[in-house]
């Protein structure tokens, strides 16, 4: 996770089109669950969910991703009280309950890097 955090601090994914800004925001605000998984809400329009994000970023750092459709902001409401995966990057005001900015999928991913990011 250290490598992912470093890349997020450098805005390494922001220029990825069309999802760079959304994935950067979502991963910076991901939460750490009691069972060791990471969870976040992410805007997405792919079928299957997160197809582009997986091939470009997520598969490099997470295994066994699971997605669940949620209403905009609902995923953040569910996980708001959990500690941030990246405390120095989290923007708790923008993921506060009632924030309707984001939409699409609640993502659960076991922690652990599987390989380094392909660029």
PDB file of N, CA and C in Angstrom:
ATOM      1  N   UNK A   1       0.810  -1.198   0.000  1.00  0.00           N
ATOM      2  CA  UNK A   1       0.000   0.000   0.000  1.00  0.00           C
ATOM      3  C   UNK A   1       0.855   1.264   0.000  1.00  0.00           C
ATOM      4  N   UNK A   2       2.097   1.121   0.467  1.00  0.00           N
ATOM      5  CA  UNK A   2       2.976   2.289   0.498  1.00  0.00           C
ATOM      6  C   UNK A   2       3.198   2.851  -0.905  1.00  0.00           C
ATOM      7  N   UNK A   3       3.409   1.965  -1.868  1.00  0.00           N
ATOM      8  CA  UNK A   3       3.620   2.421  -3.249  1.00  0.00           C
ATOM      9  C   UNK A   3       2.382   3.131  -3.789  1.00  0.00           C
ATOM     10  N   UNK A   4       1.197   2.581  -3.514  1.00  0.00           N
ATOM     11  CA  UNK A   4      -0.039   3.214  -3.963  1.00  0.00           C
ATOM     12  C   UNK A   4      -0.187   4.592  -3.322  1.00  0.00           C
ATOM     13  N   UNK A   5       0.072   4.689  -2.029  1.00  0.00           N
ATOM     14  CA  UNK A   5       0.002   5.983  -1.348  1.00  0.00           C
ATOM     15  C   UNK A   5       0.959   7.001  -1.957  1.00  0.00           C
ATOM     16  N   UNK A   6       2.159   6.564  -2.263  1.00  0.00           N
ATOM     17  CA  UNK A   6       3.133   7.462  -2.897  1.00  0.00           C
ATOM     18  C   UNK A   6       2.641   7.953  -4.250  1.00  0.00           C
ATOM     19  N   UNK A   7       2.073   7.059  -5.042  1.00  0.00           N
ATOM     20  CA  UNK A   7       1.551   7.442  -6.355  1.00  0.00           C
ATOM     21  C   UNK A   7       0.375   8.406  -6.226  1.00  0.00           C
ATOM     22  N   UNK A   8      -0.478   8.189  -5.244  1.00  0.00           N
ATOM     23  CA  UNK A   8      -1.605   9.098  -5.016  1.00  0.00           C
ATOM     24  C   UNK A   8      -1.118  10.478  -4.580  1.00  0.00           C
ATOM     25  N   UNK A   9      -0.083  10.519  -3.760  1.00  0.00           N
ATOM     26  CA  UNK A   9       0.475  11.806  -3.335  1.00  0.00           C
ATOM     27  C   UNK A   9       1.046  12.586  -4.518  1.00  0.00           C
ATOM     28  N   UNK A  10       1.526  11.874  -5.515  1.00  0.00           N
ATOM     29  CA  UNK A  10       2.108  12.499  -6.717  1.00  0.00           C
ATOM     30  C   UNK A  10       1.069  12.749  -7.807  1.00  0.00           C
ATOM     31  N   UNK A  11      -0.203  12.459  -7.527  1.00  0.00           N
ATOM     32  CA  UNK A  11      -1.272  12.604  -8.525  1.00  0.00           C
ATOM     33  C   UNK A  11      -0.984  11.798  -9.788  1.00  0.00           C
ATOM     34  N   UNK A  12      -0.396  10.623  -9.634  1.00  0.00           N
ATOM     35  CA  UNK A  12       0.031   9.808 -10.765  1.00  0.00           C
ATOM     36  C   UNK A  12      -1.113   9.332 -11.658  1.00  0.00           C
ATOM     37  N   UNK A  13      -2.327   9.286 -11.142  1.00  0.00           N
ATOM     38  CA  UNK A  13      -3.447   8.746 -11.919  1.00  0.00           C
ATOM     39  C   UNK A  13      -4.381   9.822 -12.471  1.00  0.00           C
ATOM     40  N   UNK A  14      -4.203  11.052 -12.078  1.00  0.00           N
ATOM     41  CA  UNK A  14      -5.131  12.126 -12.430  1.00  0.00           C
ATOM     42  C   UNK A  14      -5.309  12.274 -13.938  1.00  0.00           C
ATOM     43  N   UNK A  15      -4.274  12.073 -14.703  1.00  0.00           N
ATOM     44  CA  UNK A  15      -4.357  12.280 -16.151  1.00  0.00           C
ATOM     45  C   UNK A  15      -4.893  11.076 -16.922  1.00  0.00           C
ATOM     46  N   UNK A  16      -5.168   9.978 -16.243  1.00  0.00           N
ATOM     47  CA  UNK A  16      -5.752   8.824 -16.920  1.00  0.00           C
ATOM     48  C   UNK A  16      -7.171   9.174 -17.337  1.00  0.00           C
ATOM     49  N   UNK A  17      -7.497   8.986 -18.585  1.00  0.00           N
ATOM     50  CA  UNK A  17      -8.827   9.328 -19.096  1.00  0.00           C
ATOM     51  C   UNK A  17      -9.621   8.074 -19.375  1.00  0.00           C
ATOM     52  N   UNK A  18     -10.880   8.084 -19.023  1.00  0.00           N
ATOM     53  CA  UNK A  18     -11.686   9.194 -18.510  1.00  0.00           C
ATOM     54  C   UNK A  18     -11.847   9.187 -16.994  1.00  0.00           C
ATOM     55  N   UNK A  19     -11.135   8.345 -16.275  1.00  0.00           N
ATOM     56  CA  UNK A  19     -11.437   8.084 -14.870  1.00  0.00           C
ATOM     57  C   UNK A  19     -10.396   8.570 -13.866  1.00  0.00           C
ATOM     58  N   UNK A  20      -9.354   9.223 -14.294  1.00  0.00           N
ATOM     59  CA  UNK A  20      -8.236   9.555 -13.416  1.00  0.00           C
ATOM     60  C   UNK A  20      -8.585  10.380 -12.192  1.00  0.00           C
ATOM     61  N   UNK A  21      -9.373  11.416 -12.386  1.00  0.00           N
ATOM     62  CA  UNK A  21      -9.750  12.266 -11.247  1.00  0.00           C
ATOM     63  C   UNK A  21     -10.618  11.487 -10.267  1.00  0.00           C
ATOM     64  N   UNK A  22     -11.570  10.723 -10.792  1.00  0.00           N
ATOM     65  CA  UNK A  22     -12.480   9.971  -9.916  1.00  0.00           C
ATOM     66  C   UNK A  22     -11.747   8.904  -9.112  1.00  0.00           C
ATOM     67  N   UNK A  23     -10.854   8.150  -9.754  1.00  0.00           N
ATOM     68  CA  UNK A  23     -10.159   7.086  -9.022  1.00  0.00           C
ATOM     69  C   UNK A  23      -9.186   7.674  -8.002  1.00  0.00           C
ATOM     70  N   UNK A  24      -8.569   8.791  -8.335  1.00  0.00           N
ATOM     71  CA  UNK A  24      -7.655   9.439  -7.396  1.00  0.00           C
ATOM     72  C   UNK A  24      -8.419   9.880  -6.149  1.00  0.00           C
ATOM     73  N   UNK A  25      -9.547  10.553  -6.348  1.00  0.00           N
ATOM     74  CA  UNK A  25     -10.374  10.983  -5.217  1.00  0.00           C
ATOM     75  C   UNK A  25     -10.810   9.778  -4.383  1.00  0.00           C
ATOM     76  N   UNK A  26     -11.303   8.743  -5.045  1.00  0.00           N
ATOM     77  CA  UNK A  26     -11.832   7.585  -4.332  1.00  0.00           C
ATOM     78  C   UNK A  26     -10.760   6.855  -3.539  1.00  0.00           C
ATOM     79  N   UNK A  27      -9.601   6.617  -4.140  1.00  0.00           N
ATOM     80  CA  UNK A  27      -8.548   5.896  -3.431  1.00  0.00           C
ATOM     81  C   UNK A  27      -7.951   6.724  -2.301  1.00  0.00           C
ATOM     82  N   UNK A  28      -7.824   8.017  -2.487  1.00  0.00           N
ATOM     83  CA  UNK A  28      -7.326   8.867  -1.398  1.00  0.00           C
ATOM     84  C   UNK A  28      -8.258   8.813  -0.196  1.00  0.00           C
ATOM     85  N   UNK A  29      -9.526   8.575  -0.433  1.00  0.00           N
ATOM     86  CA  UNK A  29     -10.530   8.566   0.626  1.00  0.00           C
ATOM     87  C   UNK A  29     -10.993   7.168   1.006  1.00  0.00           C
ATOM     88  N   UNK A  30     -10.330   6.139   0.516  1.00  0.00           N
ATOM     89  CA  UNK A  30     -10.672   4.757   0.863  1.00  0.00           C
ATOM     90  C   UNK A  30     -10.566   4.571   2.373  1.00  0.00           C
ATOM     91  N   UNK A  31     -11.350   3.653   2.893  1.00  0.00           N
ATOM     92  CA  UNK A  31     -11.370   3.365   4.330  1.00  0.00           C
ATOM     93  C   UNK A  31     -10.868   1.948   4.588  1.00  0.00           C
ATOM     94  N   UNK A  32     -10.298   1.767   5.760  1.00  0.00           N
ATOM     95  CA  UNK A  32      -9.779   0.482   6.194  1.00  0.00           C
ATOM     96  C   UNK A  32     -10.804  -0.200   7.084  1.00  0.00           C
ATOM     97  N   UNK A  33     -11.272  -1.356   6.656  1.00  0.00           N
ATOM     98  CA  UNK A  33     -12.271  -2.111   7.411  1.00  0.00           C
ATOM     99  C   UNK A  33     -11.602  -2.987   8.462  1.00  0.00           C
ATOM    100  N   UNK A  34     -12.369  -3.412   9.447  1.00  0.00           N
ATOM    101  CA  UNK A  34     -11.874  -4.245  10.545  1.00  0.00           C
ATOM    102  C   UNK A  34     -11.255  -5.541  10.019  1.00  0.00           C
ATOM    103  N   UNK A  35     -11.824  -6.084   8.941  1.00  0.00           N
ATOM    104  CA  UNK A  35     -11.323  -7.353   8.397  1.00  0.00           C
ATOM    105  C   UNK A  35     -10.089  -7.187   7.514  1.00  0.00           C
ATOM    106  N   UNK A  36      -9.552  -5.968   7.436  1.00  0.00           N
ATOM    107  CA  UNK A  36      -8.339  -5.733   6.666  1.00  0.00           C
ATOM    108  C   UNK A  36      -8.573  -5.363   5.215  1.00  0.00           C
ATOM    109  N   UNK A  37      -9.832  -5.277   4.800  1.00  0.00           N
ATOM    110  CA  UNK A  37     -10.115  -4.871   3.431  1.00  0.00           C
ATOM    111  C   UNK A  37     -10.182  -3.349   3.347  1.00  0.00           C
ATOM    112  N   UNK A  38     -10.000  -2.854   2.141  1.00  0.00           N
ATOM    113  CA  UNK A  38     -10.164  -1.432   1.873  1.00  0.00           C
ATOM    114  C   UNK A  38     -11.504  -1.245   1.189  1.00  0.00           C
ATOM    115  N   UNK A  39     -12.178  -0.149   1.462  1.00  0.00           N
ATOM    116  CA  UNK A  39     -13.489   0.091   0.870  1.00  0.00           C
ATOM    117  C   UNK A  39     -13.606   1.554   0.480  1.00  0.00           C
ATOM    118  N   UNK A  40     -14.254   1.801  -0.676  1.00  0.00           N
ATOM    119  CA  UNK A  40     -14.466   3.158  -1.154  1.00  0.00           C
ATOM    120  C   UNK A  40     -15.640   3.187  -2.109  1.00  0.00           C
ATOM    121  N   UNK A  41     -16.114   4.359  -2.395  1.00  0.00           N
ATOM    122  CA  UNK A  41     -17.155   4.554  -3.399  1.00  0.00           C
ATOM    123  C   UNK A  41     -16.496   5.181  -4.610  1.00  0.00           C
ATOM    124  N   UNK A  42     -16.885   4.721  -5.789  1.00  0.00           N
ATOM    125  CA  UNK A  42     -16.266   5.257  -6.997  1.00  0.00           C
ATOM    126  C   UNK A  42     -17.277   5.431  -8.112  1.00  0.00           C
ATOM    127  N   UNK A  43     -17.172   6.551  -8.786  1.00  0.00           N
ATOM    128  CA  UNK A  43     -17.974   6.836  -9.968  1.00  0.00           C
ATOM    129  C   UNK A  43     -17.531   5.893 -11.085  1.00  0.00           C
ATOM    130  N   UNK A  44     -18.499   5.291 -11.795  1.00  0.00           N
ATOM    131  CA  UNK A  44     -18.129   4.358 -12.845  1.00  0.00           C
ATOM    132  C   UNK A  44     -19.270   4.182 -13.829  1.00  0.00           C
ATOM    133  N   UNK A  45     -18.907   3.978 -15.090  1.00  0.00           N
ATOM    134  CA  UNK A  45     -19.911   3.770 -16.131  1.00  0.00           C
ATOM    135  C   UNK A  45     -19.599   2.547 -16.977  1.00  0.00           C
ATOM    136  N   UNK A  46     -18.657   1.717 -16.552  1.00  0.00           N
ATOM    137  CA  UNK A  46     -18.221   0.551 -17.326  1.00  0.00           C
ATOM    138  C   UNK A  46     -19.109  -0.662 -17.058  1.00  0.00           C
ATOM    139  N   UNK A  47     -19.091  -1.552 -18.009  1.00  0.00           N
ATOM    140  CA  UNK A  47     -19.706  -2.863 -17.838  1.00  0.00           C
ATOM    141  C   UNK A  47     -18.715  -3.879 -18.381  1.00  0.00           C
ATOM    142  N   UNK A  48     -18.100  -4.695 -17.518  1.00  0.00           N
ATOM    143  CA  UNK A  48     -18.321  -4.838 -16.082  1.00  0.00           C
ATOM    144  C   UNK A  48     -17.780  -3.637 -15.305  1.00  0.00           C
ATOM    145  N   UNK A  49     -18.278  -3.462 -14.062  1.00  0.00           N
ATOM    146  CA  UNK A  49     -17.871  -2.317 -13.259  1.00  0.00           C
ATOM    147  C   UNK A  49     -16.356  -2.215 -13.092  1.00  0.00           C
ATOM    148  N   UNK A  50     -15.855  -1.016 -13.219  1.00  0.00           N
ATOM    149  CA  UNK A  50     -14.455  -0.670 -12.999  1.00  0.00           C
ATOM    150  C   UNK A  50     -13.490  -1.367 -13.959  1.00  0.00           C
ATOM    151  N   UNK A  51     -13.942  -1.742 -15.141  1.00  0.00           N
ATOM    152  CA  UNK A  51     -13.086  -2.462 -16.090  1.00  0.00           C
ATOM    153  C   UNK A  51     -11.826  -1.668 -16.433  1.00  0.00           C
ATOM    154  N   UNK A  52     -11.968  -0.406 -16.793  1.00  0.00           N
ATOM    155  CA  UNK A  52     -10.800   0.408 -17.146  1.00  0.00           C
ATOM    156  C   UNK A  52      -9.908   0.656 -15.929  1.00  0.00           C
ATOM    157  N   UNK A  53     -10.520   0.932 -14.800  1.00  0.00           N
ATOM    158  CA  UNK A  53      -9.776   1.210 -13.584  1.00  0.00           C
ATOM    159  C   UNK A  53      -8.984  -0.017 -13.131  1.00  0.00           C
ATOM    160  N   UNK A  54      -9.582  -1.189 -13.286  1.00  0.00           N
ATOM    161  CA  UNK A  54      -8.895  -2.419 -12.894  1.00  0.00           C
ATOM    162  C   UNK A  54      -7.662  -2.648 -13.745  1.00  0.00           C
ATOM    163  N   UNK A  55      -7.827  -2.556 -15.055  1.00  0.00           N
ATOM    164  CA  UNK A  55      -6.700  -2.857 -15.938  1.00  0.00           C
ATOM    165  C   UNK A  55      -5.591  -1.822 -15.829  1.00  0.00           C
ATOM    166  N   UNK A  56      -5.929  -0.576 -15.520  1.00  0.00           N
ATOM    167  CA  UNK A  56      -4.916   0.483 -15.460  1.00  0.00           C
ATOM    168  C   UNK A  56      -4.286   0.665 -14.085  1.00  0.00           C
ATOM    169  N   UNK A  57      -5.060   0.441 -13.008  1.00  0.00           N
ATOM    170  CA  UNK A  57      -4.566   0.761 -11.664  1.00  0.00           C
ATOM    171  C   UNK A  57      -4.881  -0.327 -10.641  1.00  0.00           C
ATOM    172  N   UNK A  58      -6.141  -0.634 -10.448  1.00  0.00           N
ATOM    173  CA  UNK A  58      -6.570  -1.429  -9.299  1.00  0.00           C
ATOM    174  C   UNK A  58      -5.970  -2.829  -9.236  1.00  0.00           C
ATOM    175  N   UNK A  59      -5.871  -3.527 -10.359  1.00  0.00           N
ATOM    176  CA  UNK A  59      -5.317  -4.886 -10.342  1.00  0.00           C
ATOM    177  C   UNK A  59      -3.852  -4.910  -9.930  1.00  0.00           C
ATOM    178  N   UNK A  60      -3.196  -3.778  -9.995  1.00  0.00           N
ATOM    179  CA  UNK A  60      -1.796  -3.705  -9.574  1.00  0.00           C
ATOM    180  C   UNK A  60      -1.649  -3.689  -8.058  1.00  0.00           C
ATOM    181  N   UNK A  61      -2.709  -3.347  -7.349  1.00  0.00           N
ATOM    182  CA  UNK A  61      -2.613  -3.189  -5.898  1.00  0.00           C
ATOM    183  C   UNK A  61      -3.612  -4.022  -5.107  1.00  0.00           C
ATOM    184  N   UNK A  62      -4.677  -4.510  -5.740  1.00  0.00           N
ATOM    185  CA  UNK A  62      -5.717  -5.230  -5.019  1.00  0.00           C
ATOM    186  C   UNK A  62      -6.061  -6.532  -5.735  1.00  0.00           C
ATOM    187  N   UNK A  63      -6.427  -7.527  -4.933  1.00  0.00           N
ATOM    188  CA  UNK A  63      -6.921  -8.799  -5.453  1.00  0.00           C
ATOM    189  C   UNK A  63      -8.378  -8.944  -5.034  1.00  0.00           C
ATOM    190  N   UNK A  64      -9.118  -9.720  -5.791  1.00  0.00           N
ATOM    191  CA  UNK A  64     -10.482 -10.083  -5.396  1.00  0.00           C
ATOM    192  C   UNK A  64     -11.384  -8.875  -5.152  1.00  0.00           C
ATOM    193  N   UNK A  65     -11.370  -7.922  -6.066  1.00  0.00           N
ATOM    194  CA  UNK A  65     -12.257  -6.761  -5.948  1.00  0.00           C
ATOM    195  C   UNK A  65     -13.707  -7.195  -6.027  1.00  0.00           C
ATOM    196  N   UNK A  66     -14.527  -6.612  -5.205  1.00  0.00           N
ATOM    197  CA  UNK A  66     -15.965  -6.851  -5.237  1.00  0.00           C
ATOM    198  C   UNK A  66     -16.650  -5.504  -5.341  1.00  0.00           C
ATOM    199  N   UNK A  67     -17.666  -5.405  -6.192  1.00  0.00           N
ATOM    200  CA  UNK A  67     -18.399  -4.148  -6.334  1.00  0.00           C
ATOM    201  C   UNK A  67     -19.870  -4.364  -6.031  1.00  0.00           C
ATOM    202  N   UNK A  68     -20.486  -3.298  -5.629  1.00  0.00           N
ATOM    203  CA  UNK A  68     -21.919  -3.303  -5.334  1.00  0.00           C
ATOM    204  C   UNK A  68     -22.491  -1.960  -5.768  1.00  0.00           C
ATOM    205  N   UNK A  69     -23.516  -1.962  -6.608  1.00  0.00           N
ATOM    206  CA  UNK A  69     -24.123  -0.679  -6.994  1.00  0.00           C
ATOM    207  C   UNK A  69     -24.707   0.025  -5.764  1.00  0.00           C
ATOM    208  N   UNK A  70     -24.478   1.318  -5.679  1.00  0.00           N
ATOM    209  CA  UNK A  70     -25.034   2.123  -4.587  1.00  0.00           C
ATOM    210  C   UNK A  70     -25.512   3.451  -5.159  1.00  0.00           C
ATOM    211  N   UNK A  71     -26.429   4.085  -4.448  1.00  0.00           N
ATOM    212  CA  UNK A  71     -26.828   5.444  -4.821  1.00  0.00           C
ATOM    213  C   UNK A  71     -25.675   6.385  -4.526  1.00  0.00           C
ATOM    214  N   UNK A  72     -25.643   7.459  -5.249  1.00  0.00           N
ATOM    215  CA  UNK A  72     -24.610   8.468  -5.063  1.00  0.00           C
ATOM    216  C   UNK A  72     -24.514   8.865  -3.590  1.00  0.00           C
ATOM    217  N   UNK A  73     -23.317   8.758  -3.019  1.00  0.00           N
ATOM    218  CA  UNK A  73     -23.077   9.128  -1.632  1.00  0.00           C
ATOM    219  C   UNK A  73     -23.346   8.037  -0.616  1.00  0.00           C
ATOM    220  N   UNK A  74     -24.094   6.995  -0.990  1.00  0.00           N
ATOM    221  CA  UNK A  74     -24.456   5.942  -0.040  1.00  0.00           C
ATOM    222  C   UNK A  74     -23.239   5.144   0.437  1.00  0.00           C
ATOM    223  N   UNK A  75     -22.317   4.848  -0.472  1.00  0.00           N
ATOM    224  CA  UNK A  75     -21.110   4.117  -0.084  1.00  0.00           C
ATOM    225  C   UNK A  75     -20.297   4.880   0.942  1.00  0.00           C
ATOM    226  N   UNK A  76     -20.145   6.194   0.704  1.00  0.00           N
ATOM    227  CA  UNK A  76     -19.396   7.017   1.659  1.00  0.00           C
ATOM    228  C   UNK A  76     -20.109   7.041   3.010  1.00  0.00           C
ATOM    229  N   UNK A  77     -21.421   7.086   3.033  1.00  0.00           N
ATOM    230  CA  UNK A  77     -22.156   7.082   4.306  1.00  0.00           C
ATOM    231  C   UNK A  77     -21.865   5.813   5.088  1.00  0.00           C
ATOM    232  N   UNK A  78     -21.832   4.677   4.394  1.00  0.00           N
ATOM    233  CA  UNK A  78     -21.606   3.386   5.051  1.00  0.00           C
ATOM    234  C   UNK A  78     -20.239   3.292   5.714  1.00  0.00           C
ATOM    235  N   UNK A  79     -19.242   3.908   5.116  1.00  0.00           N
ATOM    236  CA  UNK A  79     -17.875   3.705   5.588  1.00  0.00           C
ATOM    237  C   UNK A  79     -17.265   4.939   6.248  1.00  0.00           C
ATOM    238  N   UNK A  80     -18.009   5.993   6.386  1.00  0.00           N
ATOM    239  CA  UNK A  80     -17.490   7.268   6.879  1.00  0.00           C
ATOM    240  C   UNK A  80     -16.760   7.137   8.214  1.00  0.00           C
ATOM    241  N   UNK A  81     -17.285   6.356   9.126  1.00  0.00           N
ATOM    242  CA  UNK A  81     -16.709   6.255  10.472  1.00  0.00           C
ATOM    243  C   UNK A  81     -15.445   5.407  10.524  1.00  0.00           C
ATOM    244  N   UNK A  82     -15.143   4.684   9.460  1.00  0.00           N
ATOM    245  CA  UNK A  82     -13.945   3.843   9.439  1.00  0.00           C
ATOM    246  C   UNK A  82     -12.694   4.701   9.257  1.00  0.00           C
ATOM    247  N   UNK A  83     -11.551   4.208   9.732  1.00  0.00           N
ATOM    248  CA  UNK A  83     -10.316   4.987   9.565  1.00  0.00           C
ATOM    249  C   UNK A  83      -9.885   5.016   8.100  1.00  0.00           C
ATOM    250  N   UNK A  84      -9.299   6.121   7.658  1.00  0.00           N
ATOM    251  CA  UNK A  84      -8.831   6.219   6.277  1.00  0.00           C
ATOM    252  C   UNK A  84      -7.683   5.253   6.012  1.00  0.00           C
ATOM    253  N   UNK A  85      -7.655   4.696   4.821  1.00  0.00           N
ATOM    254  CA  UNK A  85      -6.546   3.850   4.395  1.00  0.00           C
ATOM    255  C   UNK A  85      -5.275   4.699   4.270  1.00  0.00           C
ATOM    256  N   UNK A  86      -5.444   5.936   3.809  1.00  0.00           N
ATOM    257  CA  UNK A  86      -4.339   6.892   3.676  1.00  0.00           C
ATOM    258  C   UNK A  86      -4.699   8.152   4.478  1.00  0.00           C
ATOM    259  N   UNK A  87      -4.441   8.158   5.783  1.00  0.00           N
ATOM    260  CA  UNK A  87      -4.879   9.270   6.635  1.00  0.00           C
ATOM    261  C   UNK A  87      -4.406  10.646   6.177  1.00  0.00           C
ATOM    262  N   UNK A  88      -3.221  10.729   5.623  1.00  0.00           N
ATOM    263  CA  UNK A  88      -2.700  12.031   5.210  1.00  0.00           C
ATOM    264  C   UNK A  88      -3.339  12.544   3.924  1.00  0.00           C
ATOM    265  N   UNK A  89      -4.088  11.696   3.220  1.00  0.00           N
ATOM    266  CA  UNK A  89      -4.706  12.080   1.954  1.00  0.00           C
ATOM    267  C   UNK A  89      -6.212  12.253   2.032  1.00  0.00           C
ATOM    268  N   UNK A  90      -6.835  11.707   3.060  1.00  0.00           N
ATOM    269  CA  UNK A  90      -8.294  11.689   3.153  1.00  0.00           C
ATOM    270  C   UNK A  90      -8.880  13.084   3.295  1.00  0.00           C
ATOM    271  N   UNK A  91      -9.978  13.299   2.609  1.00  0.00           N
ATOM    272  CA  UNK A  91     -10.722  14.562   2.647  1.00  0.00           C
ATOM    273  C   UNK A  91     -12.078  14.273   3.275  1.00  0.00           C
ATOM    274  N   UNK A  92     -12.128  14.268   4.604  1.00  0.00           N
ATOM    275  CA  UNK A  92     -13.344  13.837   5.292  1.00  0.00           C
ATOM    276  C   UNK A  92     -14.529  14.750   5.033  1.00  0.00           C
ATOM    277  N   UNK A  93     -14.322  16.002   4.739  1.00  0.00           N
ATOM    278  CA  UNK A  93     -15.453  16.888   4.465  1.00  0.00           C
ATOM    279  C   UNK A  93     -16.174  16.471   3.191  1.00  0.00           C
ATOM    280  N   UNK A  94     -15.451  16.084   2.169  1.00  0.00           N
ATOM    281  CA  UNK A  94     -16.076  15.759   0.886  1.00  0.00           C
ATOM    282  C   UNK A  94     -16.670  14.361   0.850  1.00  0.00           C
ATOM    283  N   UNK A  95     -16.388  13.532   1.857  1.00  0.00           N
ATOM    284  CA  UNK A  95     -16.991  12.204   1.911  1.00  0.00           C
ATOM    285  C   UNK A  95     -17.938  12.067   3.097  1.00  0.00           C
ATOM    286  N   UNK A  96     -18.316  13.192   3.664  1.00  0.00           N
ATOM    287  CA  UNK A  96     -19.198  13.192   4.830  1.00  0.00           C
ATOM    288  C   UNK A  96     -20.586  12.679   4.460  1.00  0.00           C
ATOM    289  N   UNK A  97     -21.290  12.087   5.425  1.00  0.00           N
ATOM    290  CA  UNK A  97     -22.656  11.644   5.155  1.00  0.00           C
ATOM    291  C   UNK A  97     -23.485  12.782   4.573  1.00  0.00           C
ATOM    292  N   UNK A  98     -24.235  12.459   3.555  1.00  0.00           N
ATOM    293  CA  UNK A  98     -25.061  13.458   2.907  1.00  0.00           C
ATOM    294  C   UNK A  98     -24.416  14.071   1.680  1.00  0.00           C
ATOM    295  N   UNK A  99     -23.139  13.816   1.466  1.00  0.00           N
ATOM    296  CA  UNK A  99     -22.446  14.337   0.284  1.00  0.00           C
ATOM    297  C   UNK A  99     -22.936  13.570  -0.940  1.00  0.00           C
ATOM    298  N   UNK A 100     -23.501  14.266  -1.892  1.00  0.00           N
ATOM    299  CA  UNK A 100     -24.068  13.613  -3.076  1.00  0.00           C
ATOM    300  C   UNK A 100     -23.199  13.813  -4.320  1.00  0.00           C
ATOM    301  N   UNK A 101     -21.930  14.121  -4.151  1.00  0.00           N
ATOM    302  CA  UNK A 101     -21.052  14.364  -5.292  1.00  0.00           C
ATOM    303  C   UNK A 101     -20.724  13.098  -6.083  1.00  0.00           C
ATOM    304  N   UNK A 102     -20.503  11.992  -5.416  1.00  0.00           N
ATOM    305  CA  UNK A 102     -19.993  10.792  -6.071  1.00  0.00           C
ATOM    306  C   UNK A 102     -21.129   9.817  -6.340  1.00  0.00           C
ATOM    307  N   UNK A 103     -20.890   8.869  -7.198  1.00  0.00           N
ATOM    308  CA  UNK A 103     -21.909   7.867  -7.465  1.00  0.00           C
ATOM    309  C   UNK A 103     -21.277   6.561  -7.875  1.00  0.00           C
ATOM    310  N   UNK A 104     -22.063   5.551  -7.964  1.00  0.00           N
ATOM    311  CA  UNK A 104     -21.806   4.300  -8.640  1.00  0.00           C
ATOM    312  C   UNK A 104     -21.541   3.122  -7.755  1.00  0.00           C
ATOM    313  N   UNK A 105     -20.301   2.760  -7.448  1.00  0.00           N
ATOM    314  CA  UNK A 105     -20.035   1.474  -6.826  1.00  0.00           C
ATOM    315  C   UNK A 105     -19.328   1.586  -5.496  1.00  0.00           C
ATOM    316  N   UNK A 106     -19.756   0.735  -4.567  1.00  0.00           N
ATOM    317  CA  UNK A 106     -19.063   0.549  -3.308  1.00  0.00           C
ATOM    318  C   UNK A 106     -18.087  -0.586  -3.589  1.00  0.00           C
ATOM    319  N   UNK A 107     -16.814  -0.359  -3.381  1.00  0.00           N
ATOM    320  CA  UNK A 107     -15.790  -1.330  -3.749  1.00  0.00           C
ATOM    321  C   UNK A 107     -15.128  -1.852  -2.496  1.00  0.00           C
ATOM    322  N   UNK A 108     -14.997  -3.168  -2.403  1.00  0.00           N
ATOM    323  CA  UNK A 108     -14.288  -3.799  -1.301  1.00  0.00           C
ATOM    324  C   UNK A 108     -13.106  -4.537  -1.898  1.00  0.00           C
ATOM    325  N   UNK A 109     -11.946  -4.329  -1.328  1.00  0.00           N
ATOM    326  CA  UNK A 109     -10.741  -4.953  -1.854  1.00  0.00           C
ATOM    327  C   UNK A 109      -9.825  -5.367  -0.720  1.00  0.00           C
ATOM    328  N   UNK A 110      -9.337  -6.616  -0.748  1.00  0.00           N
ATOM    329  CA  UNK A 110      -8.342  -7.008   0.248  1.00  0.00           C
ATOM    330  C   UNK A 110      -7.100  -6.142   0.096  1.00  0.00           C
ATOM    331  N   UNK A 111      -6.508  -5.763   1.197  1.00  0.00           N
ATOM    332  CA  UNK A 111      -5.279  -4.972   1.145  1.00  0.00           C
ATOM    333  C   UNK A 111      -4.152  -5.836   0.623  1.00  0.00           C
ATOM    334  N   UNK A 112      -3.207  -5.215   0.003  1.00  0.00           N
ATOM    335  CA  UNK A 112      -2.025  -5.937  -0.439  1.00  0.00           C
ATOM    336  C   UNK A 112      -1.712  -5.696  -1.880  1.00  0.00           C
ATOM    337  N   UNK A 113      -0.490  -5.363  -2.152  1.00  0.00           N
ATOM    338  CA  UNK A 113      -0.047  -5.097  -3.517  1.00  0.00           C
ATOM    339  C   UNK A 113       0.261  -6.427  -4.192  1.00  0.00           C
ATOM    340  N   UNK A 114      -0.188  -6.596  -5.420  1.00  0.00           N
ATOM    341  CA  UNK A 114       0.093  -7.833  -6.137  1.00  0.00           C
ATOM    342  C   UNK A 114       1.203  -7.648  -7.166  1.00  0.00           C
ATOM    343  N   UNK A 115       1.349  -6.464  -7.701  1.00  0.00           N
ATOM    344  CA  UNK A 115       2.454  -6.138  -8.618  1.00  0.00           C
ATOM    345  C   UNK A 115       2.517  -4.628  -8.769  1.00  0.00           C
ATOM    346  N   UNK A 116       3.552  -4.133  -9.352  1.00  0.00           N
ATOM    347  CA  UNK A 116       3.687  -2.684  -9.452  1.00  0.00           C
ATOM    348  C   UNK A 116       2.860  -2.131 -10.607  1.00  0.00           C
ATOM    349  N   UNK A 117       2.612  -0.835 -10.560  1.00  0.00           N
ATOM    350  CA  UNK A 117       1.760  -0.186 -11.550  1.00  0.00           C
ATOM    351  C   UNK A 117       2.401  -0.222 -12.925  1.00  0.00           C
ATOM    352  N   UNK A 118       1.601  -0.552 -13.926  1.00  0.00           N
ATOM    353  CA  UNK A 118       2.039  -0.481 -15.318  1.00  0.00           C
ATOM    354  C   UNK A 118       1.790   0.931 -15.784  1.00  0.00           C
ATOM    355  N   UNK A 119       2.719   1.515 -16.463  1.00  0.00           N
ATOM    356  CA  UNK A 119       2.548   2.883 -16.976  1.00  0.00           C
ATOM    357  C   UNK A 119       2.610   2.881 -18.471  1.00  0.00           C
TER     358      UNK A 119
END
